C-alpha cells in the first residue's frame, strides 16, 4: 500500500511523541494499531469479494460457453436424425419397390409354371396308349 521505510517511521514516532506526549502515546498507538488492523481486514475482505465475483463471472462465462456448445451439439444431433430418417424413408421406398418387383416376378413365374404344367400335362395324356380291356379282364 504505502511504502514506509525505517526513517519515515522514526520521524512519525518522534513527531507523535512531541505532539501527543509520552503519557498518552501508548493509548494512541494502540488505537492507531486497531484502526490499521480494521483497515487491513476491510481491504482484505474487499479484495476477496472482488476475487469471488471475478471467479463467479468466469464460471458464468464458462457455463454460457458450455450451454452454447450443448445447443450446437443438439442441433447437429437433430440434423443427423433428420438425415437418417430421410435415408430410412428412401430405403423403405426401395424395399417396397423391391418387394413389389419380387411379388410380380413370383406371380409371373407362378402363372408361367401353371401354363407350362398344363401344356405338359395335355400332351402326355394324349401319348398314353389306350387302356386295354382285355388285359385287365385276364388279370381278374
N, C-alpha and C. Protein backbone atom coordinates (compact mmCIF):
# COMPACT_ATOMS: atom_id res chain seq x y z
N UNK A 1 0.83 -1.16 0.00
CA UNK A 1 0.00 0.00 0.00
C UNK A 1 0.89 1.24 0.00
N UNK A 2 1.22 1.73 1.17
CA UNK A 2 2.16 2.85 1.26
C UNK A 2 3.53 2.28 1.56
N UNK A 3 4.52 2.91 1.01
CA UNK A 3 5.87 2.40 1.23
C UNK A 3 6.55 3.26 2.30
N UNK A 4 6.51 2.78 3.55
CA UNK A 4 7.17 3.47 4.66
C UNK A 4 8.48 2.76 4.94
N UNK A 5 9.52 3.53 4.94
CA UNK A 5 10.82 2.98 5.30
C UNK A 5 11.07 3.18 6.79
N UNK A 6 12.20 2.72 7.26
CA UNK A 6 12.53 2.82 8.67
C UNK A 6 12.62 4.28 9.12
N UNK A 7 13.25 5.12 8.33
CA UNK A 7 13.45 6.51 8.74
C UNK A 7 12.14 7.30 8.74
N UNK A 8 11.22 6.96 7.86
CA UNK A 8 9.92 7.63 7.88
C UNK A 8 9.17 7.26 9.16
N UNK A 9 9.23 6.01 9.57
CA UNK A 9 8.56 5.59 10.80
C UNK A 9 9.19 6.27 12.03
N UNK A 10 10.47 6.39 12.06
CA UNK A 10 11.14 7.06 13.18
C UNK A 10 10.69 8.52 13.24
N UNK A 11 10.60 9.19 12.09
CA UNK A 11 10.17 10.58 12.03
C UNK A 11 8.74 10.73 12.54
N UNK A 12 7.83 9.83 12.12
CA UNK A 12 6.44 9.88 12.58
C UNK A 12 6.38 9.65 14.08
N UNK A 13 7.17 8.71 14.60
CA UNK A 13 7.19 8.42 16.02
C UNK A 13 7.68 9.63 16.83
N UNK A 14 8.69 10.30 16.38
CA UNK A 14 9.23 11.48 17.08
C UNK A 14 8.22 12.61 17.07
N UNK A 15 7.56 12.85 15.93
CA UNK A 15 6.55 13.91 15.86
C UNK A 15 5.39 13.58 16.78
N UNK A 16 4.94 12.32 16.79
CA UNK A 16 3.84 11.91 17.66
C UNK A 16 4.22 12.05 19.11
N UNK A 17 5.45 11.74 19.47
CA UNK A 17 5.92 11.87 20.84
C UNK A 17 5.91 13.34 21.28
N UNK A 18 6.29 14.21 20.41
CA UNK A 18 6.32 15.65 20.74
C UNK A 18 4.90 16.19 20.82
N UNK A 19 4.04 15.85 19.88
CA UNK A 19 2.68 16.42 19.83
C UNK A 19 1.80 15.81 20.91
N UNK A 20 1.80 14.51 21.06
CA UNK A 20 0.88 13.83 21.97
C UNK A 20 1.45 13.78 23.39
N UNK A 21 2.66 13.59 23.50
CA UNK A 21 3.28 13.48 24.82
C UNK A 21 3.52 12.04 25.18
N UNK A 22 4.48 11.81 26.09
CA UNK A 22 4.85 10.45 26.42
C UNK A 22 3.78 9.70 27.21
N UNK A 23 2.92 10.37 27.97
CA UNK A 23 1.93 9.64 28.76
C UNK A 23 0.74 9.16 27.93
N UNK A 24 0.36 9.86 26.89
CA UNK A 24 -0.78 9.43 26.07
C UNK A 24 -0.36 8.65 24.83
N UNK A 25 0.90 8.57 24.54
CA UNK A 25 1.39 7.90 23.32
C UNK A 25 1.03 6.41 23.27
N UNK A 26 1.14 5.61 24.34
CA UNK A 26 0.76 4.19 24.25
C UNK A 26 -0.71 3.98 23.90
N UNK A 27 -1.62 4.76 24.45
CA UNK A 27 -3.05 4.62 24.13
C UNK A 27 -3.33 4.98 22.67
N UNK A 28 -2.70 6.04 22.21
CA UNK A 28 -2.89 6.46 20.81
C UNK A 28 -2.30 5.40 19.87
N UNK A 29 -1.16 4.84 20.23
CA UNK A 29 -0.56 3.80 19.40
C UNK A 29 -1.46 2.56 19.33
N UNK A 30 -2.09 2.23 20.48
CA UNK A 30 -3.00 1.08 20.48
C UNK A 30 -4.20 1.35 19.56
N UNK A 31 -4.80 2.54 19.68
CA UNK A 31 -5.94 2.89 18.82
C UNK A 31 -5.51 2.93 17.35
N UNK A 32 -4.35 3.47 17.09
CA UNK A 32 -3.87 3.50 15.70
C UNK A 32 -3.67 2.07 15.18
N UNK A 33 -3.16 1.20 16.03
CA UNK A 33 -2.99 -0.20 15.64
C UNK A 33 -4.33 -0.88 15.34
N UNK A 34 -5.35 -0.57 16.18
CA UNK A 34 -6.68 -1.12 15.93
C UNK A 34 -7.25 -0.63 14.60
N UNK A 35 -7.09 0.68 14.35
CA UNK A 35 -7.59 1.25 13.09
C UNK A 35 -6.84 0.67 11.88
N UNK A 36 -5.55 0.49 12.02
CA UNK A 36 -4.78 -0.11 10.92
C UNK A 36 -5.22 -1.54 10.70
N UNK A 37 -5.46 -2.30 11.76
CA UNK A 37 -5.94 -3.69 11.63
C UNK A 37 -7.30 -3.75 10.96
N UNK A 38 -8.21 -2.84 11.36
CA UNK A 38 -9.54 -2.80 10.72
C UNK A 38 -9.41 -2.46 9.24
N UNK A 39 -8.54 -1.50 8.94
CA UNK A 39 -8.37 -1.11 7.53
C UNK A 39 -7.83 -2.29 6.72
N UNK A 40 -6.87 -3.03 7.30
CA UNK A 40 -6.32 -4.19 6.59
C UNK A 40 -7.39 -5.26 6.39
N UNK A 41 -8.18 -5.52 7.44
CA UNK A 41 -9.25 -6.52 7.30
C UNK A 41 -10.26 -6.08 6.25
N UNK A 42 -10.60 -4.79 6.24
CA UNK A 42 -11.54 -4.27 5.25
C UNK A 42 -10.98 -4.44 3.84
N UNK A 43 -9.72 -4.07 3.65
CA UNK A 43 -9.09 -4.20 2.33
C UNK A 43 -9.04 -5.66 1.91
N UNK A 44 -8.71 -6.54 2.87
CA UNK A 44 -8.65 -7.98 2.57
C UNK A 44 -10.03 -8.52 2.19
N UNK A 45 -11.06 -8.12 2.92
CA UNK A 45 -12.41 -8.61 2.61
C UNK A 45 -12.89 -8.08 1.26
N UNK A 46 -12.58 -6.80 0.97
CA UNK A 46 -12.98 -6.24 -0.33
C UNK A 46 -12.25 -6.98 -1.45
N UNK A 47 -10.96 -7.25 -1.25
CA UNK A 47 -10.19 -7.96 -2.26
C UNK A 47 -10.75 -9.36 -2.49
N UNK A 48 -11.08 -10.07 -1.40
CA UNK A 48 -11.62 -11.42 -1.56
C UNK A 48 -13.00 -11.39 -2.22
N UNK A 49 -13.82 -10.37 -1.89
CA UNK A 49 -15.12 -10.23 -2.56
C UNK A 49 -14.95 -10.01 -4.06
N UNK A 50 -14.00 -9.16 -4.41
CA UNK A 50 -13.76 -8.89 -5.83
C UNK A 50 -13.27 -10.15 -6.53
N UNK A 51 -12.37 -10.88 -5.89
CA UNK A 51 -11.87 -12.12 -6.49
C UNK A 51 -12.99 -13.14 -6.65
N UNK A 52 -13.88 -13.23 -5.63
CA UNK A 52 -15.02 -14.15 -5.73
C UNK A 52 -15.93 -13.77 -6.89
N UNK A 53 -16.18 -12.48 -7.03
CA UNK A 53 -17.03 -12.02 -8.14
C UNK A 53 -16.39 -12.32 -9.49
N UNK A 54 -15.08 -12.12 -9.57
CA UNK A 54 -14.38 -12.43 -10.82
C UNK A 54 -14.47 -13.92 -11.13
N UNK A 55 -14.27 -14.76 -10.11
CA UNK A 55 -14.39 -16.20 -10.32
C UNK A 55 -15.81 -16.57 -10.72
N UNK A 56 -16.78 -15.95 -10.06
CA UNK A 56 -18.18 -16.24 -10.40
C UNK A 56 -18.47 -15.82 -11.84
N UNK A 57 -17.93 -14.69 -12.25
CA UNK A 57 -18.13 -14.23 -13.63
C UNK A 57 -17.47 -15.19 -14.61
N UNK A 58 -16.27 -15.65 -14.28
CA UNK A 58 -15.60 -16.63 -15.13
C UNK A 58 -16.42 -17.92 -15.23
N UNK A 59 -16.97 -18.35 -14.10
CA UNK A 59 -17.80 -19.56 -14.11
C UNK A 59 -19.05 -19.36 -14.96
N UNK A 60 -19.66 -18.16 -14.86
CA UNK A 60 -20.84 -17.87 -15.69
C UNK A 60 -20.48 -17.91 -17.17
N UNK A 61 -19.33 -17.34 -17.51
CA UNK A 61 -18.90 -17.35 -18.91
C UNK A 61 -18.66 -18.78 -19.39
N UNK A 62 -18.01 -19.58 -18.54
CA UNK A 62 -17.78 -20.98 -18.91
C UNK A 62 -19.11 -21.72 -19.07
N UNK A 63 -20.05 -21.46 -18.17
CA UNK A 63 -21.35 -22.11 -18.24
C UNK A 63 -22.08 -21.70 -19.51
N UNK A 64 -22.05 -20.42 -19.85
CA UNK A 64 -22.69 -19.96 -21.08
C UNK A 64 -22.03 -20.57 -22.30
N UNK A 65 -20.71 -20.67 -22.28
CA UNK A 65 -19.99 -21.28 -23.39
C UNK A 65 -20.38 -22.74 -23.55
N UNK A 66 -20.43 -23.47 -22.42
CA UNK A 66 -20.81 -24.87 -22.47
C UNK A 66 -22.26 -25.02 -22.93
N UNK A 67 -23.13 -24.11 -22.49
CA UNK A 67 -24.53 -24.16 -22.90
C UNK A 67 -24.64 -23.96 -24.41
N UNK A 68 -23.87 -23.02 -24.96
CA UNK A 68 -23.92 -22.80 -26.41
C UNK A 68 -23.37 -24.02 -27.15
N UNK A 69 -22.33 -24.65 -26.61
CA UNK A 69 -21.80 -25.87 -27.24
C UNK A 69 -22.82 -26.99 -27.19
N UNK A 70 -23.54 -27.09 -26.09
CA UNK A 70 -24.59 -28.11 -25.97
C UNK A 70 -25.68 -27.86 -27.00
N UNK A 71 -26.05 -26.59 -27.18
CA UNK A 71 -27.07 -26.26 -28.18
C UNK A 71 -26.59 -26.61 -29.59
N UNK A 72 -25.31 -26.35 -29.87
CA UNK A 72 -24.77 -26.71 -31.17
C UNK A 72 -24.81 -28.22 -31.37
N UNK A 73 -24.44 -28.97 -30.33
CA UNK A 73 -24.48 -30.42 -30.42
C UNK A 73 -25.91 -30.93 -30.61
N UNK A 74 -26.87 -30.31 -29.94
CA UNK A 74 -28.27 -30.71 -30.13
C UNK A 74 -28.70 -30.45 -31.56
N UNK A 75 -28.30 -29.31 -32.10
CA UNK A 75 -28.63 -29.00 -33.48
C UNK A 75 -28.04 -30.03 -34.44
N UNK A 76 -26.78 -30.37 -34.19
CA UNK A 76 -26.14 -31.38 -35.04
C UNK A 76 -26.85 -32.72 -34.91
N UNK A 77 -27.25 -33.07 -33.70
CA UNK A 77 -27.96 -34.33 -33.47
C UNK A 77 -29.30 -34.34 -34.20
N UNK A 78 -30.02 -33.23 -34.14
CA UNK A 78 -31.31 -33.15 -34.83
C UNK A 78 -31.13 -33.24 -36.34
N UNK A 79 -30.08 -32.58 -36.87
CA UNK A 79 -29.81 -32.67 -38.30
C UNK A 79 -29.49 -34.10 -38.69
N UNK A 80 -28.69 -34.78 -37.88
CA UNK A 80 -28.33 -36.16 -38.17
C UNK A 80 -29.56 -37.06 -38.12
N UNK A 81 -30.42 -36.82 -37.14
CA UNK A 81 -31.65 -37.61 -37.04
C UNK A 81 -32.51 -37.40 -38.28
N UNK A 82 -32.62 -36.15 -38.72
CA UNK A 82 -33.42 -35.87 -39.91
C UNK A 82 -32.83 -36.56 -41.14
N UNK A 83 -31.50 -36.53 -41.28
CA UNK A 83 -30.86 -37.20 -42.40
C UNK A 83 -31.09 -38.70 -42.35
N UNK A 84 -30.99 -39.28 -41.16
CA UNK A 84 -31.21 -40.73 -41.01
C UNK A 84 -32.65 -41.07 -41.36
N UNK A 85 -33.58 -40.24 -40.91
CA UNK A 85 -34.99 -40.51 -41.23
C UNK A 85 -35.23 -40.43 -42.73
N UNK A 86 -34.62 -39.45 -43.39
CA UNK A 86 -34.77 -39.34 -44.84
C UNK A 86 -34.20 -40.57 -45.54
N UNK A 87 -33.02 -41.00 -45.09
CA UNK A 87 -32.40 -42.18 -45.70
C UNK A 87 -33.24 -43.42 -45.44
N UNK A 88 -33.81 -43.51 -44.24
CA UNK A 88 -34.69 -44.66 -43.94
C UNK A 88 -35.93 -44.63 -44.81
N UNK A 89 -36.47 -43.42 -45.02
CA UNK A 89 -37.66 -43.30 -45.87
C UNK A 89 -37.31 -43.73 -47.30
N UNK A 90 -36.13 -43.30 -47.78
CA UNK A 90 -35.71 -43.72 -49.12
C UNK A 90 -35.50 -45.23 -49.15
N UNK A 91 -34.89 -45.78 -48.11
CA UNK A 91 -34.65 -47.21 -48.04
C UNK A 91 -35.96 -47.97 -47.99
N UNK A 92 -36.93 -47.45 -47.20
CA UNK A 92 -38.23 -48.10 -47.14
C UNK A 92 -38.90 -48.09 -48.51
N UNK A 93 -38.76 -47.00 -49.22
CA UNK A 93 -39.32 -46.92 -50.57
C UNK A 93 -38.66 -47.94 -51.48
N UNK A 94 -37.33 -48.06 -51.39
CA UNK A 94 -36.63 -49.04 -52.20
C UNK A 94 -37.03 -50.46 -51.81
N UNK A 95 -37.16 -50.70 -50.52
CA UNK A 95 -37.56 -52.04 -50.04
C UNK A 95 -38.95 -52.37 -50.56
N UNK A 96 -39.86 -51.41 -50.53
CA UNK A 96 -41.22 -51.64 -51.04
C UNK A 96 -41.18 -51.93 -52.53
N UNK A 97 -40.39 -51.16 -53.25
CA UNK A 97 -40.29 -51.37 -54.70
C UNK A 97 -39.73 -52.76 -54.99
N UNK A 98 -38.71 -53.17 -54.24
CA UNK A 98 -38.12 -54.50 -54.43
C UNK A 98 -39.12 -55.58 -54.09
N UNK A 99 -39.85 -55.40 -52.98
CA UNK A 99 -40.87 -56.39 -52.60
C UNK A 99 -41.95 -56.50 -53.66
N UNK A 100 -42.39 -55.36 -54.20
CA UNK A 100 -43.40 -55.39 -55.26
C UNK A 100 -42.87 -56.11 -56.49
N UNK A 101 -41.61 -55.83 -56.84
CA UNK A 101 -40.99 -56.49 -58.00
C UNK A 101 -40.90 -57.99 -57.77
N UNK A 102 -40.54 -58.40 -56.55
CA UNK A 102 -40.46 -59.83 -56.23
C UNK A 102 -41.83 -60.46 -56.32
N UNK A 103 -42.86 -59.78 -55.81
CA UNK A 103 -44.22 -60.32 -55.90
C UNK A 103 -44.66 -60.46 -57.35
N UNK A 104 -44.38 -59.45 -58.19
CA UNK A 104 -44.73 -59.53 -59.60
C UNK A 104 -44.01 -60.69 -60.28
N UNK A 105 -42.71 -60.80 -59.95
CA UNK A 105 -41.93 -61.89 -60.55
C UNK A 105 -42.48 -63.24 -60.10
N UNK A 106 -42.84 -63.33 -58.82
CA UNK A 106 -43.39 -64.59 -58.31
C UNK A 106 -44.71 -64.91 -59.00
N UNK A 107 -45.57 -63.92 -59.19
CA UNK A 107 -46.85 -64.15 -59.87
C UNK A 107 -46.64 -64.55 -61.33
N UNK A 108 -45.70 -63.85 -61.96
CA UNK A 108 -45.42 -64.19 -63.36
C UNK A 108 -44.86 -65.60 -63.46
N UNK A 109 -43.94 -65.92 -62.54
CA UNK A 109 -43.36 -67.26 -62.55
C UNK A 109 -44.43 -68.31 -62.29
N UNK A 110 -45.30 -68.02 -61.32
CA UNK A 110 -46.36 -68.98 -61.00
C UNK A 110 -47.30 -69.15 -62.18
N UNK A 111 -47.65 -68.06 -62.83
CA UNK A 111 -48.56 -68.17 -63.98
C UNK A 111 -47.87 -68.87 -65.14
N UNK A 112 -46.59 -68.61 -65.31
CA UNK A 112 -45.84 -69.27 -66.39
C UNK A 112 -45.71 -70.75 -66.10
N UNK A 113 -45.42 -71.11 -64.84
CA UNK A 113 -45.30 -72.52 -64.48
C UNK A 113 -46.64 -73.23 -64.61
N UNK A 114 -47.70 -72.55 -64.23
CA UNK A 114 -49.03 -73.16 -64.35
C UNK A 114 -49.38 -73.43 -65.81
N UNK A 115 -49.08 -72.46 -66.65
CA UNK A 115 -49.36 -72.65 -68.07
C UNK A 115 -48.47 -73.74 -68.65
N UNK A 116 -47.23 -73.80 -68.21
CA UNK A 116 -46.29 -74.80 -68.69
C UNK A 116 -46.71 -76.20 -68.22
N UNK A 117 -47.18 -76.30 -66.99
CA UNK A 117 -47.62 -77.60 -66.49
C UNK A 117 -48.86 -78.07 -67.23
N UNK A 118 -49.76 -77.15 -67.53
CA UNK A 118 -50.96 -77.54 -68.28
C UNK A 118 -50.58 -78.00 -69.68
N UNK A 119 -49.64 -77.30 -70.30
CA UNK A 119 -49.24 -77.69 -71.65
C UNK A 119 -48.50 -79.03 -71.62
N UNK A 120 -47.76 -79.32 -70.57
CA UNK A 120 -47.07 -80.61 -70.47
C UNK A 120 -48.04 -81.73 -70.14
N UNK A 121 -49.04 -81.46 -69.34
CA UNK A 121 -49.98 -82.50 -68.94
C UNK A 121 -50.84 -82.94 -70.11
N UNK A 122 -51.22 -82.09 -70.93
CA UNK A 122 -52.11 -82.43 -72.03
C UNK A 122 -51.42 -83.35 -73.04
N UNK A 123 -50.21 -83.07 -73.50
CA UNK A 123 -49.59 -83.99 -74.46
C UNK A 123 -49.25 -85.33 -73.83
N UNK A 124 -48.91 -85.39 -72.61
CA UNK A 124 -48.55 -86.67 -72.02
C UNK A 124 -49.78 -87.55 -71.88
N UNK A 125 -50.91 -86.94 -71.64
CA UNK A 125 -52.12 -87.75 -71.56
C UNK A 125 -52.50 -88.27 -72.94
N UNK A 126 -52.22 -87.50 -73.92
CA UNK A 126 -52.55 -87.93 -75.28
C UNK A 126 -51.62 -89.04 -75.73
N UNK A 127 -50.42 -89.07 -75.28
CA UNK A 127 -49.47 -90.07 -75.74
C UNK A 127 -49.62 -91.40 -75.01
N UNK A 128 -50.46 -91.46 -73.99
CA UNK A 128 -50.67 -92.73 -73.30
C UNK A 128 -51.44 -93.68 -74.22
N UNK A 129 -51.03 -94.94 -74.20
CA UNK A 129 -51.77 -95.89 -75.05
C UNK A 129 -53.17 -96.13 -74.47
N UNK A 130 -54.08 -96.44 -75.27
CA UNK A 130 -55.44 -96.67 -74.79
C UNK A 130 -55.45 -97.87 -73.84
N UNK A 131 -56.33 -97.80 -72.90
CA UNK A 131 -56.40 -98.85 -71.91
C UNK A 131 -56.90 -100.13 -72.58
N UNK A 132 -56.22 -101.20 -72.27
CA UNK A 132 -56.57 -102.49 -72.85
C UNK A 132 -57.54 -103.20 -71.92
N UNK A 133 -58.76 -103.37 -72.35
CA UNK A 133 -59.76 -104.02 -71.52
C UNK A 133 -59.49 -105.52 -71.44
N UNK A 134 -58.84 -106.07 -72.43
CA UNK A 134 -58.59 -107.50 -72.44
C UNK A 134 -57.56 -107.88 -71.40
N UNK A 135 -56.57 -107.05 -71.22
CA UNK A 135 -55.52 -107.34 -70.23
C UNK A 135 -56.09 -107.26 -68.85
N UNK A 136 -56.90 -106.29 -68.62
CA UNK A 136 -57.48 -106.15 -67.29
C UNK A 136 -58.45 -107.29 -67.02
N UNK A 137 -59.11 -107.82 -68.04
CA UNK A 137 -60.02 -108.92 -67.88
C UNK A 137 -59.24 -110.19 -67.60
N UNK A 138 -58.11 -110.36 -68.20
CA UNK A 138 -57.32 -111.54 -67.99
C UNK A 138 -56.76 -111.58 -66.60
N UNK A 139 -56.44 -110.50 -66.08
CA UNK A 139 -55.88 -110.44 -64.74
C UNK A 139 -56.91 -110.79 -63.69
N UNK A 140 -58.09 -110.55 -63.89
CA UNK A 140 -59.12 -110.82 -62.91
C UNK A 140 -59.42 -112.23 -62.82
